[in-house]
Protein backbone atom coordinates (compact mmCIF):
# COMPACT_ATOMS: atom_id res chain seq x y z
CA MET A 1 120.30 85.22 78.59
CA ASN A 2 117.78 83.58 81.00
CA SER A 3 116.05 86.47 82.70
CA SER A 4 115.49 84.31 85.87
CA LYS A 5 119.01 84.38 86.57
CA LEU A 6 119.39 88.22 86.64
CA PRO A 7 119.20 90.06 89.85
CA ASN A 8 116.34 92.36 90.94
CA ILE A 9 117.67 95.93 91.06
CA ILE A 10 116.35 98.64 93.38
CA LEU A 11 117.94 101.95 92.95
CA ILE A 12 116.94 104.63 95.65
CA LEU A 13 117.81 108.11 94.81
CA THR A 14 117.45 110.48 97.73
CA ASP A 15 116.80 114.18 97.19
CA ASP A 16 119.38 116.56 98.59
CA LEU A 17 120.83 114.10 101.00
CA GLY A 18 124.41 114.96 101.94
CA TYR A 19 127.36 112.56 102.66
CA GLY A 20 127.41 113.75 106.28
CA ASP A 21 123.81 113.12 107.08
CA ILE A 22 124.50 109.51 107.07
CA SER A 23 125.56 108.33 110.77
CA CYS A 24 127.84 105.61 109.48
CA LEU A 25 129.63 108.10 107.16
CA ASN A 26 129.94 111.07 109.65
CA PRO A 27 130.95 110.17 113.29
CA ASP A 28 129.60 113.55 114.29
CA SER A 29 126.41 113.48 112.50
CA LYS A 30 123.41 114.85 114.54
CA ILE A 31 120.98 112.41 112.61
CA GLN A 32 120.82 108.61 113.25
CA THR A 33 120.15 106.62 110.12
CA PRO A 34 120.09 102.85 111.27
CA HIS A 35 118.50 101.39 108.20
CA ILE A 36 121.20 103.10 105.94
CA ASP A 37 123.95 101.98 108.40
CA ARG A 38 122.74 98.46 108.31
CA LEU A 39 122.95 98.54 104.31
CA ALA A 40 126.57 99.74 104.78
CA GLN A 41 127.31 96.95 107.06
CA GLU A 42 125.89 94.37 104.90
CA GLY A 43 127.24 95.87 101.68
CA MET A 44 129.87 98.25 100.20
CA VAL A 45 130.37 101.96 100.80
CA PHE A 46 131.83 104.26 98.13
CA THR A 47 133.75 107.10 99.59
CA ASP A 48 134.53 109.02 96.27
CA ALA A 49 131.11 108.79 94.63
CA HIS A 50 129.78 111.83 92.71
CA SER A 51 126.59 113.04 90.93
CA SER A 52 127.51 114.48 87.62
CA SER A 53 125.83 117.71 88.57
CA ALA A 54 125.14 119.62 91.61
CA VAL A 55 121.34 119.89 91.13
CA CYS A 56 118.38 117.63 90.64
CA THR A 57 117.40 117.49 87.04
CA PRO A 58 120.73 117.07 85.34
CA SER A 59 121.67 114.31 87.82
CA ARG A 60 118.58 112.26 87.05
CA TYR A 61 119.20 112.75 83.26
CA SER A 62 122.75 111.45 83.52
CA LEU A 63 121.63 108.40 85.89
CA LEU A 64 118.95 107.29 83.48
CA THR A 65 120.89 107.83 80.23
CA GLY A 66 124.69 107.25 81.17
CA ARG A 67 125.21 110.78 79.51
CA TYR A 68 126.35 114.34 80.98
CA CYS A 69 123.40 116.28 81.06
CA TRP A 70 125.25 119.37 79.75
CA ARG A 71 125.39 117.53 76.32
CA SER A 72 121.42 117.95 76.33
CA ARG A 73 119.42 121.08 75.68
CA LEU A 74 119.81 121.87 79.53
CA LYS A 75 123.13 123.61 79.91
CA GLU A 76 122.38 125.05 83.46
CA GLY A 77 119.65 125.10 86.13
CA VAL A 78 116.79 122.54 86.50
CA LEU A 79 113.49 121.96 85.04
CA TRP A 80 110.15 123.04 86.42
CA GLY A 81 106.71 121.34 86.74
CA TYR A 82 105.41 122.25 83.48
CA ASP A 83 108.65 121.83 81.34
CA GLN A 84 108.77 119.78 78.37
CA PRO A 85 110.60 116.23 78.54
CA LEU A 86 114.52 116.43 78.52
CA ILE A 87 115.14 112.89 77.52
CA GLU A 88 115.55 112.82 73.89
CA PRO A 89 112.84 110.52 72.22
CA ASP A 90 115.43 108.31 70.39
CA ARG A 91 117.81 108.00 73.49
CA LEU A 92 118.20 104.69 74.89
CA THR A 93 117.54 104.68 78.69
CA MET A 94 118.53 102.54 81.41
CA PRO A 95 115.02 101.12 82.01
CA ALA A 96 114.39 100.72 78.29
CA MET A 97 117.68 98.57 78.10
CA LEU A 98 116.64 96.60 81.27
CA GLN A 99 113.34 95.87 79.52
CA GLU A 100 115.34 94.27 76.68
CA LEU A 101 116.96 92.21 79.06
CA GLY A 102 113.68 90.93 80.39
CA TYR A 103 113.00 93.14 83.47
CA THR A 104 109.87 94.60 84.51
CA THR A 105 110.64 98.40 85.20
CA ALA A 106 108.98 100.67 87.50
CA CYS A 107 109.49 104.39 88.47
CA ILE A 108 107.91 105.54 91.75
CA GLY A 109 108.62 108.97 93.10
CA LYS A 110 109.94 112.38 92.04
CA TRP A 111 110.45 112.50 88.20
CA HIS A 112 111.70 116.00 87.43
CA LEU A 113 112.69 115.30 83.87
CA GLY A 114 109.80 117.10 82.04
CA LEU A 115 106.31 115.94 81.04
CA GLY A 116 103.98 116.20 78.04
CA TRP A 117 101.37 118.35 79.26
CA LYS A 118 98.44 119.42 77.03
CA PHE A 119 98.11 122.97 77.32
CA HIS A 120 94.99 125.13 76.72
CA GLY A 121 96.37 128.30 74.67
CA LYS A 122 100.10 129.08 74.88
CA PRO A 123 102.43 126.84 76.86
CA GLN A 124 104.23 128.26 79.77
CA TYR A 125 107.52 127.06 81.15
CA GLY A 126 110.00 127.92 83.96
CA PRO A 127 109.73 128.93 87.64
CA GLU A 128 107.03 131.33 87.23
CA ALA A 129 104.62 129.38 84.97
CA ASP A 130 100.94 129.17 85.77
CA PRO A 131 99.51 127.70 82.54
CA ASP A 132 96.12 126.57 81.56
CA VAL A 133 96.70 122.70 81.58
CA ASP A 134 94.09 119.90 80.64
CA PHE A 135 94.89 117.77 83.58
CA ASN A 136 92.35 115.10 82.14
CA ALA A 137 94.45 114.59 78.98
CA PRO A 138 97.04 111.97 78.94
CA LEU A 139 100.64 113.17 78.96
CA THR A 140 102.63 112.57 75.90
CA GLY A 141 105.98 112.36 77.71
CA GLY A 142 107.29 111.30 80.94
CA ALA A 143 108.41 108.15 82.97
CA HIS A 144 105.77 105.99 81.02
CA THR A 145 107.60 106.96 77.86
CA ALA A 146 111.23 106.61 78.88
CA GLY A 147 111.33 102.85 79.42
CA PHE A 148 109.28 102.25 82.55
CA ASP A 149 106.34 99.53 82.44
CA TYR A 150 104.82 101.22 85.64
CA SER A 151 105.20 104.82 87.04
CA TYR A 152 103.65 106.51 89.88
CA ILE A 153 105.39 110.05 90.06
CA ILE A 154 105.14 113.65 90.91
CA PRO A 155 106.16 116.05 88.16
CA ALA A 156 109.23 117.60 89.84
CA SER A 157 110.40 118.52 93.42
CA LEU A 158 108.04 118.60 96.15
CA ASP A 159 108.04 122.38 96.32
CA MET A 160 107.17 122.78 92.59
CA ALA A 161 103.58 122.75 91.26
CA PRO A 162 101.47 121.10 90.14
CA TYR A 163 101.02 118.91 93.19
CA VAL A 164 99.60 115.82 91.74
CA PHE A 165 100.26 112.09 91.45
CA ILE A 166 100.71 110.75 87.96
CA GLU A 167 100.17 107.01 87.30
CA ASN A 168 101.28 105.65 83.95
CA GLY A 169 100.90 109.03 82.20
CA ARG A 170 97.46 110.13 83.73
CA VAL A 171 96.86 112.40 86.51
CA VAL A 172 95.35 110.35 89.35
CA GLU A 173 93.24 113.11 91.00
CA ILE A 174 92.38 116.29 89.07
CA PRO A 175 93.22 119.65 90.73
CA GLN A 176 90.06 121.93 91.53
CA GLY A 177 92.13 124.73 92.86
CA LYS A 178 95.32 126.17 93.90
CA ILE A 179 97.16 126.55 97.15
CA GLU A 180 99.25 129.38 98.54
CA GLY A 181 103.06 129.07 98.99
CA SER A 182 104.65 128.25 102.14
CA PRO A 183 107.71 129.68 103.77
CA ARG A 184 110.61 127.70 105.31
CA PRO A 185 111.10 125.16 106.69
CA ALA A 186 108.02 123.76 105.12
CA PHE A 187 108.72 125.68 101.92
CA TYR A 188 106.74 125.12 98.72
CA ARG A 189 105.62 127.44 96.09
CA GLY A 190 101.81 128.10 95.30
CA GLY A 191 100.03 126.49 92.49
CA TRP A 192 97.49 123.84 91.37
CA CYS A 193 97.07 121.12 93.80
CA ALA A 194 94.97 117.92 93.81
CA PRO A 195 92.39 117.84 96.74
CA GLY A 196 93.90 114.79 98.29
CA PHE A 197 97.41 115.70 97.85
CA GLN A 198 99.32 116.55 101.12
CA HIS A 199 103.00 117.55 101.15
CA GLU A 200 103.43 115.97 104.68
CA THR A 201 102.33 112.41 103.66
CA CYS A 202 103.87 112.34 100.16
CA LEU A 203 106.81 110.25 101.15
CA LEU A 204 104.46 107.77 102.93
CA GLU A 205 102.28 107.45 99.78
CA LEU A 206 105.23 106.81 97.66
CA THR A 207 106.79 104.33 100.02
CA LYS A 208 103.49 102.35 100.11
CA GLN A 209 103.38 102.26 96.17
CA ALA A 210 107.02 101.06 96.20
CA GLU A 211 106.16 98.21 98.65
CA SER A 212 103.08 97.45 96.48
CA PHE A 213 105.07 97.19 93.46
CA ILE A 214 107.43 94.65 94.88
CA SER A 215 104.47 92.68 96.28
CA MET A 216 102.69 92.57 93.09
CA GLN A 217 105.67 91.29 91.22
CA GLN A 218 106.12 88.41 93.53
CA ILE A 219 102.49 87.50 93.31
CA HIS A 220 102.10 87.86 89.41
CA HIS A 221 105.55 87.39 88.19
CA PRO A 222 107.76 85.63 90.65
CA ASP A 223 110.15 84.37 88.10
CA LYS A 224 110.90 87.68 86.38
CA PRO A 225 113.37 90.10 87.55
CA PHE A 226 112.34 93.62 88.43
CA PHE A 227 114.01 97.14 88.35
CA LEU A 228 112.60 99.64 90.76
CA TYR A 229 113.67 103.16 90.60
CA PHE A 230 112.63 104.82 93.66
CA PRO A 231 113.53 108.53 93.59
CA LEU A 232 112.41 109.85 96.96
CA THR A 233 110.95 113.42 97.54
CA SER A 234 112.96 113.80 100.58
CA PRO A 235 114.96 115.39 102.34
CA HIS A 236 114.37 118.19 99.82
CA THR A 237 111.95 121.04 100.82
CA PRO A 238 109.43 121.12 102.14
CA HIS A 239 110.98 119.93 105.45
CA MET A 240 107.68 118.36 106.70
CA PRO A 241 108.29 115.17 108.80
CA ARG A 242 105.26 113.29 109.89
CA GLN A 243 104.43 113.29 113.54
CA PRO A 244 106.29 110.02 114.44
CA PHE A 245 109.46 111.53 113.37
CA ARG A 246 109.49 115.11 114.83
CA GLY A 247 112.23 115.52 117.39
CA LYS A 248 113.94 112.42 116.42
CA SER A 249 117.20 114.00 115.22
CA ARG A 250 119.32 116.85 116.74
CA ALA A 251 119.24 118.83 113.40
CA GLY A 252 115.72 120.36 113.49
CA GLU A 253 112.98 119.65 110.88
CA TYR A 254 115.60 118.86 108.30
CA GLY A 255 117.38 116.14 110.49
CA ASP A 256 113.83 114.74 111.33
CA PHE A 257 112.88 114.42 107.74
CA VAL A 258 116.32 112.50 107.14
CA VAL A 259 115.10 110.19 109.72
CA GLU A 260 111.82 109.65 108.07
CA THR A 261 113.79 109.03 104.75
CA ASP A 262 115.92 106.34 106.60
CA TRP A 263 112.59 104.94 107.72
CA SER A 264 111.28 104.55 104.04
CA ILE A 265 114.42 102.85 103.05
CA GLY A 266 113.97 100.49 105.97
CA ARG A 267 110.29 99.66 104.67
CA ILE A 268 111.69 98.76 101.32
CA MET A 269 114.37 96.51 103.00
CA ASP A 270 111.61 94.86 105.09
CA THR A 271 109.66 94.16 101.95
CA LEU A 272 112.34 92.34 100.31
CA GLU A 273 112.99 90.27 103.49
CA ARG A 274 109.43 89.39 103.64
CA TYR A 275 109.50 87.88 100.14
CA HIS A 276 112.84 86.24 100.53
CA LEU A 277 114.39 88.61 97.89
CA THR A 278 117.48 90.02 99.88
CA GLU A 279 120.07 87.71 98.50
CA ASN A 280 119.25 88.21 94.90
CA THR A 281 118.64 91.88 94.78
CA LEU A 282 121.11 94.50 93.74
CA PHE A 283 120.13 97.28 96.18
CA ILE A 284 121.65 100.69 95.51
CA PHE A 285 121.26 103.65 97.80
CA THR A 286 122.41 107.21 96.87
CA SER A 287 121.60 110.89 96.46
CA ASP A 288 121.25 113.31 93.55
CA ASN A 289 123.51 115.88 94.72
CA GLY A 290 124.73 117.37 98.07
CA CYS A 291 122.88 118.88 100.93
CA HIS A 292 121.48 122.44 100.63
CA ALA A 293 122.97 123.36 104.02
CA THR A 294 123.01 127.16 104.09
CA PRO A 295 119.35 127.93 104.34
CA ILE A 296 118.87 125.44 106.85
CA GLY A 297 121.80 126.65 109.18
CA LEU A 298 122.65 123.05 109.80
CA LYS A 299 126.25 124.01 110.84
CA GLU A 300 125.31 127.30 112.68
CA LYS A 301 122.16 126.13 114.67
CA TYR A 302 122.96 122.42 115.17
CA ASP A 303 126.57 121.96 114.40
CA HIS A 304 125.69 119.36 111.79
CA LEU A 305 127.83 119.06 108.74
CA GLY A 306 125.37 117.85 106.09
CA ASN A 307 128.25 117.47 103.50
CA TYR A 308 130.62 116.29 106.12
CA ILE A 309 134.19 117.71 105.63
CA PHE A 310 133.64 118.60 101.90
CA ARG A 311 133.46 122.21 100.80
CA GLY A 312 130.31 123.83 99.58
CA GLN A 313 126.86 122.61 99.16
CA LYS A 314 124.20 121.77 96.64
CA SER A 315 124.61 123.86 93.42
CA ASP A 316 128.40 124.17 93.74
CA ALA A 317 131.37 122.74 91.71
CA TRP A 318 133.24 122.17 95.01
CA ASP A 319 132.87 118.67 96.31
CA GLY A 320 130.01 119.46 98.69
CA GLY A 321 127.81 119.97 95.68
CA HIS A 322 128.38 116.50 94.10
CA ARG A 323 130.11 114.08 96.44
CA ILE A 324 127.28 111.75 97.43
CA PRO A 325 126.66 108.82 99.75
CA LEU A 326 126.72 105.66 97.71
CA ILE A 327 125.94 102.30 99.25
CA VAL A 328 125.50 99.11 97.32
CA ARG A 329 124.22 95.65 98.69
CA TYR A 330 124.23 92.46 96.76
CA PRO A 331 124.81 89.47 99.02
CA GLU A 332 125.27 87.04 96.12
CA LYS A 333 128.35 89.07 95.02
CA ILE A 334 129.34 91.74 97.49
CA ASN A 335 131.22 90.86 100.82
CA PRO A 336 129.83 92.76 103.66
CA GLY A 337 131.32 95.71 105.14
CA GLY A 338 133.39 96.52 102.07
CA LYS A 339 134.76 100.03 101.19
CA CYS A 340 135.69 101.35 97.77
CA SER A 341 137.73 104.62 97.65
CA GLU A 342 137.71 104.70 93.72
CA ILE A 343 136.06 107.60 91.81
CA VAL A 344 132.49 106.52 90.47
CA CYS A 345 129.75 108.65 89.10
CA LEU A 346 125.94 108.22 88.84
CA SER A 347 126.23 107.87 85.14
CA ASP A 348 127.95 104.71 85.58
CA TRP A 349 125.11 102.52 86.59
CA MET A 350 123.82 102.18 82.95
CA ALA A 351 127.06 100.48 81.68
CA THR A 352 127.27 98.57 85.02
CA PHE A 353 123.78 96.99 84.65
CA ALA A 354 124.47 96.27 80.76
CA ALA A 355 127.70 94.54 81.71
CA ALA A 356 125.74 92.45 84.24
CA GLY A 357 123.28 91.46 81.74
CA GLY A 358 125.52 90.82 79.04
CA TYR A 359 124.07 93.72 76.86
CA GLN A 360 126.21 95.66 74.38
CA LEU A 361 125.56 99.39 74.61
CA PRO A 362 125.50 100.96 71.09
CA PRO A 363 127.81 103.71 70.36
CA ASN A 364 125.35 106.42 70.56
CA ALA A 365 124.12 105.20 74.03
CA GLY A 366 125.94 105.64 77.70
CA GLU A 367 128.60 108.01 76.33
CA ASP A 368 129.78 108.88 79.90
CA SER A 369 129.05 105.63 81.50
CA VAL A 370 131.61 103.23 83.02
CA ASN A 371 131.21 99.72 83.96
CA ILE A 372 131.94 99.63 87.81
CA TYR A 373 130.88 95.93 88.38
CA PRO A 374 134.50 94.88 88.94
CA TYR A 375 134.46 97.28 91.94
CA LEU A 376 131.55 95.38 93.58
CA GLU A 377 133.43 92.00 93.17
CA GLU A 378 136.67 93.66 94.27
CA ASN A 379 138.09 92.33 91.08
CA TYR A 380 140.31 94.92 89.61
CA SER A 381 143.75 96.12 89.30
CA HIS A 382 143.64 99.91 88.34
CA PRO A 383 140.95 102.57 88.46
CA LEU A 384 138.39 102.18 85.87
CA ARG A 385 137.51 105.81 85.35
CA GLU A 386 140.11 108.24 83.83
CA SER A 387 138.20 111.07 85.15
CA VAL A 388 134.84 112.49 85.93
CA ILE A 389 133.18 115.89 85.02
CA HIS A 390 131.23 117.95 87.48
CA HIS A 391 128.82 120.70 86.53
CA SER A 392 127.38 123.47 88.76
CA ILE A 393 123.92 124.89 88.65
CA TYR A 394 125.20 128.01 86.74
CA GLY A 395 126.85 125.84 84.15
CA HIS A 396 130.51 126.02 85.29
CA PHE A 397 132.66 122.84 84.79
CA ALA A 398 135.07 121.04 87.12
CA ILE A 399 137.05 117.91 86.19
CA ARG A 400 138.62 115.31 88.57
CA ASN A 401 141.51 113.17 87.30
CA ARG A 402 142.81 110.94 90.08
CA GLN A 403 143.65 113.13 93.04
CA TRP A 404 143.64 116.30 90.99
CA LYS A 405 140.63 118.55 90.37
CA LEU A 406 140.44 121.53 88.40
CA VAL A 407 137.34 124.01 88.75
CA LEU A 408 136.89 126.32 85.71
CA CYS A 409 135.79 129.35 87.61
CA LYS A 410 136.80 131.66 90.54
CA GLY A 411 133.95 130.96 92.87
CA SER A 412 131.96 127.86 93.92
CA GLY A 413 130.11 127.74 90.61
CA GLY A 414 126.96 127.93 92.62
CA TRP A 415 125.35 129.48 95.62
CA SER A 416 128.09 129.25 98.20
CA LEU A 417 130.53 131.84 96.54
CA GLU A 418 129.12 133.84 93.58
CA GLU A 419 131.48 135.06 91.00
CA ASP A 420 130.84 138.83 91.87
CA GLN A 421 131.84 138.01 95.64
CA VAL A 422 135.37 136.91 94.40
CA SER A 423 138.29 139.20 94.51
CA PRO A 424 139.16 140.32 90.82
CA ASN A 425 142.72 139.49 91.56
CA SER A 426 141.96 135.75 92.25
CA PRO A 427 143.14 133.01 89.80
CA PRO A 428 140.95 132.38 87.04
CA MET A 429 140.43 128.84 88.00
CA GLN A 430 141.15 126.48 90.96
CA LEU A 431 143.26 123.54 91.01
CA TYR A 432 143.28 121.31 94.25
CA ASN A 433 145.21 118.01 95.14
CA LEU A 434 142.43 116.31 96.90
CA GLU A 435 145.02 113.58 98.20
CA ASN A 436 146.16 116.06 100.92
CA ASP A 437 143.54 118.83 100.73
CA VAL A 438 140.30 117.18 100.47
CA GLU A 439 138.69 120.23 101.76
CA GLU A 440 139.84 122.21 98.58
CA GLN A 441 141.43 124.94 100.64
CA HIS A 442 144.71 125.70 98.81
CA ASN A 443 144.38 126.60 95.03
CA LEU A 444 147.47 125.35 93.09
CA PHE A 445 146.60 126.95 89.81
CA TYR A 446 149.80 129.08 89.65
CA GLU A 447 152.06 126.25 91.11
CA TYR A 448 151.24 123.54 88.48
CA PRO A 449 150.46 125.06 85.24
CA GLU A 450 151.04 121.94 83.39
CA LYS A 451 148.66 120.04 85.12
CA VAL A 452 146.08 122.79 84.64
CA ALA A 453 146.83 122.63 80.87
CA TYR A 454 146.59 118.86 80.86
CA MET A 455 143.28 118.74 82.48
CA LYS A 456 141.84 121.68 80.53
CA GLU A 457 142.78 119.68 77.28
CA MET A 458 141.07 116.53 78.68
CA LEU A 459 137.83 118.42 79.40
CA ASP A 460 137.93 120.02 75.89
CA ARG A 461 138.49 116.49 74.42
CA TYR A 462 135.53 115.12 76.25
CA ILE A 463 133.38 117.98 75.03
CA SER A 464 134.32 117.99 71.37
CA GLU A 465 134.28 114.20 70.94
CA GLY A 466 130.77 113.83 72.47
CA ARG A 467 131.71 111.14 74.94
CA SER A 468 134.26 110.62 77.75
CA VAL A 469 134.32 106.65 77.56
CA PRO A 470 135.92 104.93 74.58
CA THR A 471 133.69 102.97 72.37
CA LYS A 472 134.29 99.22 72.34
């Protein structure tokens, strides 16, 4: 295929941004997001979109591989700043596939999928790790080995050490010392930090890098399509909006940080317009999981529902953990102001990009990815996904089939309602009909045993077969 005919692709993945944080999706939002609202007006809103997991690392794995992360070595939780690469060396990734189609690929932002650090002495992993690292040595794994031609990243979340920028597998500025941790709302853990690294300006720096990549592509390779994966560090902790954005919302520091996040997205939109790239760019805006609402006190302090009407929050198997905003703009193909209420998952983008480029995925790639391109063109007669599997921070499963959802634990599967907080007499699982109970309030486990059995069998089949999407 002639690569000049392919659209540019920009995929912006916000960090812990809830469905209800977007003003066009939540009429009662205490935060205004004009740039994201404009994307919705000019593109298509998906109202039933989900991340495959309720936390950061596994969502990113499934996005870049088209495969549920619980099939990897990571069965629960997330990675940390010094952890080893999670994406298997022989696994086809979305950017590697796009490279084969002729794209220049870039990752700018939060990586959080493990890196190949060189350790002096015994390696250390996990949340308490404080290893002796050779920051001068090139990294043997990371974005630069996962299919990206260019990468400018931070290792993990903005509250996890080490606090350094990494460009194409090398630390940009070597840490000379450590910093102390900080309490909420500007929460981050202590650890190694480069002299010029500032949490407050990290989003600004990454936004500038993303703008620069687009500019350089137009200057040096104007006829070659590009893929920009822009995983933002915000509005995840630390909630440290820069001065121009303080007080710009009615939801505290968190809300102000969402406003700055919206500003960053607007800057990318403006850059596309400057180079007349808007028409031929597939622009995807979404989030890695739900909002972590409880520690911020969004509802109690500000009467703001970061996850809108959906139950739970980041970490949970309930919808608040994984129902995410998803807005797609592509003027050449998508009619403005569209809405799609079909179920989609972040893992679907790999198969979708493959279909758009005429690429045949091999049987050992994109095992949980569905081509949703027909939704974008509004050219379909039936739902494209049979079901979607959700996964909580503690490794609990939930499965969604049409309007039915089965949660395979008693509580939320995460932080909202721990298992030891649930009555021993509660049903062992939860079954909800989201068509008339989208807030997951009425457990129908005992009323529909045949539905429970059917969905449990479906989940078991997907697990045992190693894929949820049929091979072609």
